[in-house]
Amino acid sequence: MMPNEKNLNTIPVGTLGLIPLESCATLGQKVNQYLTEWRAERSHAQSTALHFSEYSKDSYIVKAKNPRFGSGEAKGVIEESVRGCDLYLMVDVCNYSQTYSLCGYVNHMSPDDHYQDLKRIIAAVEGKARRINVIMPFLYESRQHKRTSRESLDCAMALQELTKMGVSNIITFDAHDARVQNAIPRDGFESVPCVYQFIKALLRAEPDLQVDNEHLMVISPDEGGMGRAIQLTNYLGVDMGMFYKRRDYTRIVDGKNPIVAHEFLGTNVEGKDVIIIDDMISSGDSILDVARELKRRKARKVYAAATFGLFTNGLAKFDAAYDQGIIDHILTTNLVYQRPELLSRPYYVNVDLSKYIALLIDNLNHNVSIHGLLNPTDRINRILEKHRAAQAQKAAENNISEEA
């Protein structure tokens, strides 16, 4: 399906160029495929005009690379002209599968390495592009977004550094705390929600899910995720509950204060399906602890949805939780690296955001407002109406078959 054709009423900012760094190559290829298909199908009166030259191409990906020296040092290289282009750089700072050689040793790339490679590519552009936009799904250092003691404000400094290098727009998804954009109040910053894609994926995975106040509930695993849970609750029209973490502030384990207990605030969950919504699954301990508490309170089915599935401590504990009936589905997006074994798990639901990113790029390239894309109310209402209509039809067919 082609995106809204209102794009054709405006002149592109510049020739579209897509630079997915190696960390984001798979996602970049999918985004590129959508863009090439959409623009190949378009026809408009100004197709021969100068400002529409190279509008339709076989590929919008600009060849770029980050070769490294034996010492581990690197550089950014752009292998074709980007003069006058509207560039969109894509980087996955969480892709630990990427490696490089350092004095004969194999090093896995950290978020710091990916961020430096991004800056190298920006530097290689040398100010020749019309505009530089960065799509960084997992915002670099976003977990260090505020100061609680004498410590660094890494995310704020990174945002300021990128804008000083000439970046016009920074697009991220479900930022840990979107208020970090206050560090660059005069520059473009968008924290894009994924709630529509989660609802769509869950309804596909569970076609019999009853979306009403009697059968479904949304749960926030902590007080920090309340806003995200409230948003999903309002869209679905169901109740919400929240867990808050009691921590032991006398100790630090693995860089954080250990959780003593999860306390629940909310109505009765007995017999209900519940959706735990969060921005990321890191080790997964919090999500699984919450799922166990919900099962102890006799919840029917438990679904966990998080934008970023990092699974830093592996999948064994999730496998065990699924086998024990503690959790039924885990939904995460393809915005960060997905280990191959994750995609094969029976409980895992992959939420593909490539089309959404392509829509954002297509609109931004035409300087068209993306407000409609950031506000998914109409799309959510349509998919819920379709889901309920399908359930009503199925119920009617079952009644007819029982009468026969």
Protein backbone atom coordinates (compact mmCIF):
# COMPACT_ATOMS: atom_id res chain seq x y z
CA MET A 1 0.00 0.00 0.00
CA MET A 2 1.36 3.37 -0.97
CA PRO A 3 1.57 6.18 1.61
CA ASN A 4 -0.53 9.34 1.54
CA GLU A 5 -0.13 11.06 -1.81
CA LYS A 6 -0.18 14.52 -0.23
CA ASN A 7 3.62 14.20 -0.51
CA LEU A 8 3.36 15.02 -4.21
CA ASN A 9 2.17 18.56 -3.47
CA THR A 10 5.58 19.57 -2.13
CA ILE A 11 9.08 19.68 -3.55
CA PRO A 12 11.61 17.31 -1.95
CA VAL A 13 14.21 18.95 0.29
CA GLY A 14 16.89 17.25 -1.80
CA THR A 15 17.71 13.99 -3.50
CA LEU A 16 16.91 11.26 -1.03
CA GLY A 17 19.90 9.37 0.35
CA LEU A 18 19.83 6.55 2.88
CA ILE A 19 22.98 5.54 4.77
CA PRO A 20 22.36 2.57 7.05
CA LEU A 21 25.55 1.85 8.96
CA GLU A 22 26.59 -1.79 9.08
CA SER A 23 24.93 -2.11 12.48
CA CYS A 24 21.58 -1.26 10.86
CA ALA A 25 22.05 -2.88 7.43
CA THR A 26 19.13 -5.34 7.59
CA LEU A 27 16.61 -2.75 8.73
CA GLY A 28 18.00 -0.25 6.21
CA GLN A 29 17.47 -2.69 3.33
CA LYS A 30 13.81 -3.15 4.29
CA VAL A 31 13.26 0.60 4.55
CA ASN A 32 14.96 1.11 1.18
CA GLN A 33 12.71 -1.52 -0.42
CA TYR A 34 9.55 0.29 0.69
CA LEU A 35 10.83 3.64 -0.56
CA THR A 36 11.85 2.31 -3.99
CA GLU A 37 8.51 0.53 -4.46
CA TRP A 38 6.42 3.54 -3.45
CA ARG A 39 8.29 6.04 -5.58
CA ALA A 40 8.40 3.74 -8.60
CA GLU A 41 4.59 3.53 -8.53
CA ARG A 42 4.04 7.27 -8.25
CA SER A 43 3.17 9.45 -11.19
CA HIS A 44 2.80 13.21 -11.12
CA ALA A 45 2.78 16.16 -13.47
CA GLN A 46 6.19 17.43 -12.39
CA SER A 47 8.09 14.19 -12.90
CA THR A 48 10.37 15.79 -15.50
CA ALA A 49 11.09 18.92 -13.42
CA LEU A 50 14.64 19.50 -12.21
CA HIS A 51 13.71 19.26 -8.53
CA PHE A 52 12.29 15.76 -9.14
CA SER A 53 15.41 14.42 -10.83
CA GLU A 54 16.53 11.12 -9.31
CA TYR A 55 13.21 10.97 -7.46
CA SER A 56 12.62 7.37 -8.51
CA LYS A 57 15.71 5.16 -8.19
CA ASP A 58 16.54 1.47 -7.96
CA SER A 59 18.06 2.12 -4.56
CA TYR A 60 18.44 5.11 -2.25
CA ILE A 61 21.25 3.58 -0.24
CA VAL A 62 24.47 5.58 -0.44
CA LYS A 63 27.59 3.42 -0.22
CA ALA A 64 29.54 4.16 2.95
CA LYS A 65 31.80 2.21 5.26
CA ASN A 66 33.89 2.42 8.42
CA PRO A 67 37.18 0.55 7.78
CA ARG A 68 39.50 -0.01 10.72
CA PHE A 69 43.25 -0.10 11.11
CA GLY A 70 45.03 -2.91 12.94
CA SER A 71 45.23 -0.71 16.02
CA GLY A 72 41.43 -0.55 16.23
CA GLU A 73 41.23 3.03 14.98
CA ALA A 74 38.70 3.72 12.22
CA LYS A 75 37.55 6.26 9.67
CA GLY A 76 34.34 7.04 7.80
CA VAL A 77 34.29 6.78 3.99
CA ILE A 78 31.53 7.92 1.62
CA GLU A 79 31.96 6.13 -1.72
CA GLU A 80 29.65 8.25 -3.91
CA SER A 81 28.55 11.87 -4.22
CA VAL A 82 26.10 13.21 -1.63
CA ARG A 83 26.18 16.84 -2.77
CA GLY A 84 22.73 18.38 -2.30
CA CYS A 85 21.26 15.20 -0.84
CA ASP A 86 18.77 14.89 1.99
CA LEU A 87 20.58 12.18 3.95
CA TYR A 88 19.12 9.79 6.52
CA LEU A 89 21.76 7.97 8.57
CA MET A 90 20.57 4.86 10.42
CA VAL A 91 22.50 3.33 13.32
CA ASP A 92 21.79 0.61 15.87
CA VAL A 93 24.01 1.33 18.86
CA CYS A 94 22.92 -1.93 20.52
CA ASN A 95 24.19 -4.27 17.80
CA TYR A 96 26.76 -6.25 19.74
CA SER A 97 27.05 -8.83 16.93
CA GLN A 98 29.37 -6.49 15.01
CA THR A 99 33.06 -7.11 15.66
CA TYR A 100 36.46 -5.64 14.76
CA SER A 101 40.07 -6.69 15.17
CA LEU A 102 42.25 -4.99 17.76
CA CYS A 103 45.89 -6.08 17.79
CA GLY A 104 44.87 -9.60 16.84
CA TYR A 105 41.96 -9.79 19.31
CA VAL A 106 38.28 -9.84 18.25
CA ASN A 107 36.28 -7.08 19.93
CA HIS A 108 32.50 -6.84 19.94
CA MET A 109 31.32 -3.32 19.20
CA SER A 110 29.85 -1.37 22.09
CA PRO A 111 27.37 1.54 21.88
CA ASP A 112 30.39 3.85 22.13
CA ASP A 113 31.95 2.25 19.03
CA HIS A 114 28.74 2.58 17.01
CA TYR A 115 28.30 6.19 18.06
CA GLN A 116 31.83 7.04 16.99
CA ASP A 117 31.25 5.37 13.60
CA LEU A 118 28.13 7.52 13.16
CA LYS A 119 30.16 10.67 13.81
CA ARG A 120 32.81 9.49 11.34
CA ILE A 121 30.22 9.16 8.56
CA ILE A 122 28.82 12.61 9.38
CA ALA A 123 32.35 14.01 9.22
CA ALA A 124 32.96 12.28 5.87
CA VAL A 125 29.95 14.09 4.37
CA GLU A 126 32.02 17.28 4.81
CA GLY A 127 29.06 19.66 4.71
CA LYS A 128 28.17 18.76 1.12
CA ALA A 129 24.69 17.34 1.87
CA ARG A 130 21.62 19.58 1.82
CA ARG A 131 20.48 18.16 5.16
CA ILE A 132 21.60 15.41 7.56
CA ASN A 133 19.06 13.44 9.58
CA VAL A 134 19.94 10.70 12.08
CA ILE A 135 17.61 7.79 12.78
CA MET A 136 18.84 6.23 16.00
CA PRO A 137 16.08 3.85 17.18
CA PHE A 138 17.71 3.20 20.56
CA LEU A 139 18.87 6.63 21.69
CA TYR A 140 22.56 6.51 22.60
CA GLU A 141 23.12 6.72 26.38
CA SER A 142 19.38 7.34 26.91
CA ARG A 143 19.44 5.39 30.18
CA GLN A 144 21.83 8.04 31.53
CA HIS A 145 19.37 10.87 30.91
CA LYS A 146 19.34 12.59 34.29
CA ARG A 147 21.72 13.33 37.11
CA THR A 148 21.09 11.79 40.54
CA SER A 149 24.54 12.48 42.00
CA ARG A 150 27.88 13.84 40.80
CA GLU A 151 27.75 12.02 37.42
CA SER A 152 27.83 12.70 33.71
CA LEU A 153 24.86 13.56 31.49
CA ASP A 154 25.95 11.44 28.54
CA CYS A 155 22.79 11.52 26.40
CA ALA A 156 22.45 15.29 26.59
CA MET A 157 26.09 15.76 25.58
CA ALA A 158 25.71 13.34 22.65
CA LEU A 159 22.65 15.19 21.33
CA GLN A 160 24.47 18.52 21.52
CA GLU A 161 27.49 17.03 19.80
CA LEU A 162 25.43 15.70 16.87
CA THR A 163 23.63 19.00 16.29
CA LYS A 164 26.93 20.91 16.41
CA MET A 165 28.21 18.56 13.68
CA GLY A 166 25.34 19.68 11.43
CA VAL A 167 22.57 17.16 12.12
CA SER A 168 19.16 18.78 11.55
CA ASN A 169 16.82 16.07 12.83
CA ILE A 170 17.28 13.24 15.32
CA ILE A 171 14.61 10.54 15.25
CA THR A 172 14.43 7.92 17.96
CA PHE A 173 11.75 5.53 19.22
CA ASP A 174 10.23 5.39 22.70
CA ALA A 175 13.05 7.30 24.33
CA HIS A 176 13.68 6.26 27.94
CA ASP A 177 12.78 9.83 28.87
CA ALA A 178 11.89 12.12 25.95
CA ARG A 179 12.58 15.19 28.09
CA VAL A 180 16.26 14.72 27.25
CA GLN A 181 15.42 16.72 24.10
CA ASN A 182 15.57 19.80 26.33
CA ALA A 183 19.32 19.61 25.76
CA ILE A 184 18.73 20.73 22.14
CA PRO A 185 15.55 22.85 22.33
CA ARG A 186 16.13 24.59 18.97
CA ASP A 187 16.84 21.47 16.95
CA GLY A 188 14.69 18.72 15.50
CA PHE A 189 14.05 15.77 17.83
CA GLU A 190 11.28 13.19 17.70
CA SER A 191 10.64 10.28 20.04
CA VAL A 192 8.32 8.14 17.94
CA PRO A 193 5.77 5.86 19.69
CA CYS A 194 5.25 2.25 18.58
CA VAL A 195 1.88 1.62 20.24
CA TYR A 196 -0.03 1.04 16.98
CA GLN A 197 2.46 -1.55 15.77
CA PHE A 198 2.28 -3.39 19.11
CA ILE A 199 -1.52 -3.55 19.05
CA LYS A 200 -1.50 -4.73 15.44
CA ALA A 201 1.09 -7.44 16.12
CA LEU A 202 -0.66 -8.66 19.29
CA LEU A 203 -4.03 -8.95 17.56
CA ARG A 204 -2.42 -10.94 14.78
CA ALA A 205 -0.75 -13.27 17.27
CA GLU A 206 -3.91 -13.56 19.39
CA PRO A 207 -6.94 -13.23 17.07
CA ASP A 208 -9.30 -14.33 19.88
CA LEU A 209 -8.12 -11.62 22.29
CA GLN A 210 -11.11 -9.80 23.78
CA VAL A 211 -10.34 -6.08 23.98
CA ASP A 212 -12.67 -4.78 26.66
CA ASN A 213 -12.57 -3.78 30.30
CA GLU A 214 -13.80 -7.14 31.56
CA HIS A 215 -11.19 -9.30 29.82
CA LEU A 216 -8.06 -7.17 29.33
CA MET A 217 -5.79 -4.98 31.45
CA VAL A 218 -2.58 -3.01 30.88
CA ILE A 219 0.24 -3.17 33.41
CA SER A 220 3.20 -0.84 33.92
CA PRO A 221 6.15 -2.70 35.48
CA ASP A 222 7.33 0.44 37.29
CA GLU A 223 6.43 4.07 37.92
CA GLY A 224 8.72 5.25 35.13
CA GLY A 225 6.60 3.53 32.49
CA MET A 226 3.27 4.96 33.64
CA GLY A 227 2.95 7.37 30.72
CA ARG A 228 3.43 4.57 28.19
CA ALA A 229 0.88 2.36 29.96
CA ILE A 230 -1.66 5.18 30.27
CA GLN A 231 -1.38 5.85 26.54
CA LEU A 232 -2.03 2.19 25.66
CA THR A 233 -4.87 2.02 28.20
CA ASN A 234 -6.61 5.01 26.66
CA TYR A 235 -6.37 3.56 23.17
CA LEU A 236 -7.74 0.16 24.23
CA GLY A 237 -10.33 1.48 26.68
CA VAL A 238 -9.31 -0.88 29.50
CA ASP A 239 -8.12 -0.62 33.13
CA MET A 240 -4.52 -0.14 34.15
CA GLY A 241 -2.37 -1.35 37.01
CA MET A 242 1.17 -0.58 38.14
CA PHE A 243 3.97 -2.25 40.03
CA TYR A 244 6.54 -0.20 41.89
CA LYS A 245 9.96 -1.47 42.85
CA ARG A 246 11.24 -1.50 46.39
CA ARG A 247 15.02 -1.33 46.14
CA ASP A 248 17.85 -1.91 48.55
CA TYR A 249 19.72 1.40 48.42
CA THR A 250 22.45 0.13 50.74
CA ARG A 251 23.96 -2.09 48.01
CA ILE A 252 24.88 -1.85 44.34
CA VAL A 253 24.84 -5.02 42.22
CA ASP A 254 25.79 -4.92 38.51
CA GLY A 255 25.71 -1.13 38.58
CA LYS A 256 22.25 -0.74 40.16
CA ASN A 257 20.42 -1.06 43.46
CA PRO A 258 18.87 -4.56 43.66
CA ILE A 259 15.08 -4.90 43.73
CA VAL A 260 13.70 -6.22 47.02
CA ALA A 261 10.06 -6.65 45.97
CA HIS A 262 7.46 -5.62 43.36
CA GLU A 263 4.38 -4.02 44.94
CA PHE A 264 1.12 -3.85 42.95
CA LEU A 265 -1.34 -0.97 42.64
CA GLY A 266 -4.52 -1.61 40.66
CA THR A 267 -7.77 -3.55 40.39
CA ASN A 268 -8.20 -7.31 40.47
CA VAL A 269 -6.50 -9.13 37.57
CA GLU A 270 -8.04 -12.55 38.21
CA GLY A 271 -9.21 -14.20 34.99
CA LYS A 272 -8.01 -11.30 32.81
CA ASP A 273 -5.45 -11.17 30.03
CA VAL A 274 -2.77 -8.60 30.84
CA ILE A 275 -0.28 -6.65 28.72
CA ILE A 276 2.94 -5.57 30.41
CA ILE A 277 4.25 -2.58 28.45
CA ASP A 278 7.76 -1.14 28.79
CA ASP A 279 10.41 0.60 26.69
CA MET A 280 13.00 -2.20 26.89
CA ILE A 281 13.76 -5.69 28.08
CA SER A 282 17.35 -5.71 29.28
CA SER A 283 18.11 -8.66 31.55
CA GLY A 284 14.38 -9.39 31.75
CA ASP A 285 14.33 -9.89 35.52
CA SER A 286 11.79 -7.11 36.14
CA ILE A 287 9.40 -8.26 33.41
CA LEU A 288 9.49 -11.87 34.59
CA ASP A 289 9.09 -10.91 38.24
CA VAL A 290 6.02 -8.86 37.32
CA ALA A 291 4.66 -11.73 35.20
CA ARG A 292 5.05 -14.13 38.15
CA GLU A 293 3.25 -11.71 40.45
CA LEU A 294 0.40 -11.42 37.93
CA LYS A 295 0.13 -15.19 37.62
CA ARG A 296 0.12 -15.45 41.42
CA ARG A 297 -2.85 -13.10 41.33
CA LYS A 298 -4.52 -15.53 38.87
CA ALA A 299 -4.17 -13.54 35.64
CA ARG A 300 -5.25 -15.61 32.62
CA LYS A 301 -2.64 -14.80 29.95
CA VAL A 302 0.38 -12.53 30.23
CA TYR A 303 1.87 -10.67 27.26
CA ALA A 304 5.04 -8.57 27.53
CA ALA A 305 5.59 -5.79 24.99
CA ALA A 306 8.79 -3.72 24.85
CA THR A 307 10.20 -1.58 22.07
CA PHE A 308 13.75 -2.84 22.52
CA GLY A 309 14.49 -6.49 23.23
CA LEU A 310 18.11 -6.53 24.41
CA PHE A 311 18.01 -9.85 26.34
CA THR A 312 21.42 -9.09 27.81
CA ASN A 313 21.51 -12.25 29.95
CA GLY A 314 20.31 -14.65 27.27
CA LEU A 315 17.00 -16.40 26.64
CA ALA A 316 17.14 -19.34 29.06
CA LYS A 317 15.04 -17.63 31.73
CA PHE A 318 12.40 -16.65 29.16
CA ASP A 319 12.28 -20.21 27.83
CA ALA A 320 11.72 -21.47 31.36
CA ALA A 321 9.01 -18.88 32.04
CA TYR A 322 7.19 -19.89 28.85
CA ASP A 323 7.43 -23.59 29.70
CA GLN A 324 6.03 -22.86 33.18
CA GLY A 325 3.12 -20.88 31.73
CA ILE A 326 4.25 -17.64 33.33
CA ILE A 327 4.35 -15.73 30.05
CA ASP A 328 2.50 -16.35 26.78
CA HIS A 329 4.02 -13.91 24.28
CA ILE A 330 6.92 -11.47 24.20
CA LEU A 331 6.70 -8.69 21.63
CA THR A 332 9.72 -6.58 20.70
CA THR A 333 10.62 -4.65 17.56
CA ASN A 334 13.30 -5.08 14.91
CA LEU A 335 14.71 -1.63 15.77
CA VAL A 336 17.67 -3.28 17.49
CA TYR A 337 19.68 -6.40 16.69
CA GLN A 338 17.71 -9.62 17.07
CA ARG A 339 19.75 -12.74 17.71
CA PRO A 340 18.70 -15.56 15.30
CA GLU A 341 17.62 -17.93 18.08
CA LEU A 342 15.20 -15.30 19.40
CA LEU A 343 13.26 -15.26 16.13
CA SER A 344 12.74 -19.03 16.37
CA ARG A 345 11.18 -18.99 19.85
CA PRO A 346 7.47 -19.99 19.87
CA TYR A 347 6.57 -17.22 22.32
CA TYR A 348 8.31 -14.43 20.40
CA VAL A 349 6.41 -11.96 18.20
CA ASN A 350 8.52 -9.77 15.93
CA VAL A 351 7.12 -6.25 15.49
CA ASP A 352 8.44 -4.90 12.18
CA LEU A 353 8.94 -1.10 12.11
CA SER A 354 10.60 -0.84 8.68
CA LYS A 355 7.46 0.41 6.91
CA TYR A 356 6.87 3.01 9.61
CA ILE A 357 10.42 4.33 9.28
CA ALA A 358 10.02 4.48 5.49
CA LEU A 359 6.84 6.54 5.92
CA LEU A 360 8.63 8.96 8.24
CA ILE A 361 11.52 9.36 5.79
CA ASP A 362 9.17 9.79 2.82
CA ASN A 363 7.24 12.57 4.58
CA LEU A 364 10.30 14.33 5.96
CA ASN A 365 11.98 14.32 2.56
CA HIS A 366 8.98 16.29 1.26
CA ASN A 367 8.92 18.59 4.32
CA VAL A 368 5.43 17.28 5.09
CA SER A 369 4.13 17.22 8.65
CA ILE A 370 4.53 13.87 10.38
CA HIS A 371 1.93 14.68 13.05
CA GLY A 372 -0.50 12.14 11.57
CA LEU A 373 2.15 9.43 11.78
CA LEU A 374 3.05 10.28 15.37
CA ASN A 375 -0.62 10.26 16.44
CA PRO A 376 -1.95 6.77 15.65
CA THR A 377 -5.46 7.23 17.12
CA ASP A 378 -7.36 6.80 13.85
CA ARG A 379 -5.29 3.79 12.78
CA ILE A 380 -5.74 2.10 16.16
CA ASN A 381 -9.50 2.71 16.11
CA ARG A 382 -9.75 1.19 12.63
CA ILE A 383 -7.81 -1.95 13.55
CA LEU A 384 -9.83 -2.41 16.76
CA GLU A 385 -13.11 -2.04 14.83
CA LYS A 386 -11.91 -4.59 12.31
CA HIS A 387 -10.86 -6.97 15.11
CA ARG A 388 -14.19 -6.68 16.91
CA ALA A 389 -16.13 -7.12 13.67
CA ALA A 390 -14.15 -10.30 12.91
CA GLN A 391 -14.89 -11.63 16.40
CA ALA A 392 -18.61 -10.83 16.05
CA GLN A 393 -18.74 -12.60 12.68
CA LYS A 394 -16.95 -15.63 14.11
CA ALA A 395 -19.39 -15.76 17.06
CA ALA A 396 -22.35 -15.57 14.68
CA GLU A 397 -20.96 -18.40 12.55
CA ASN A 398 -20.46 -20.54 15.68
CA ASN A 399 -24.05 -19.92 16.75
CA ILE A 400 -25.34 -20.96 13.32
CA SER A 401 -23.25 -24.15 13.35
CA GLU A 402 -24.49 -25.02 16.87
CA GLU A 403 -28.15 -24.50 15.83
CA ALA A 404 -27.63 -26.70 12.77
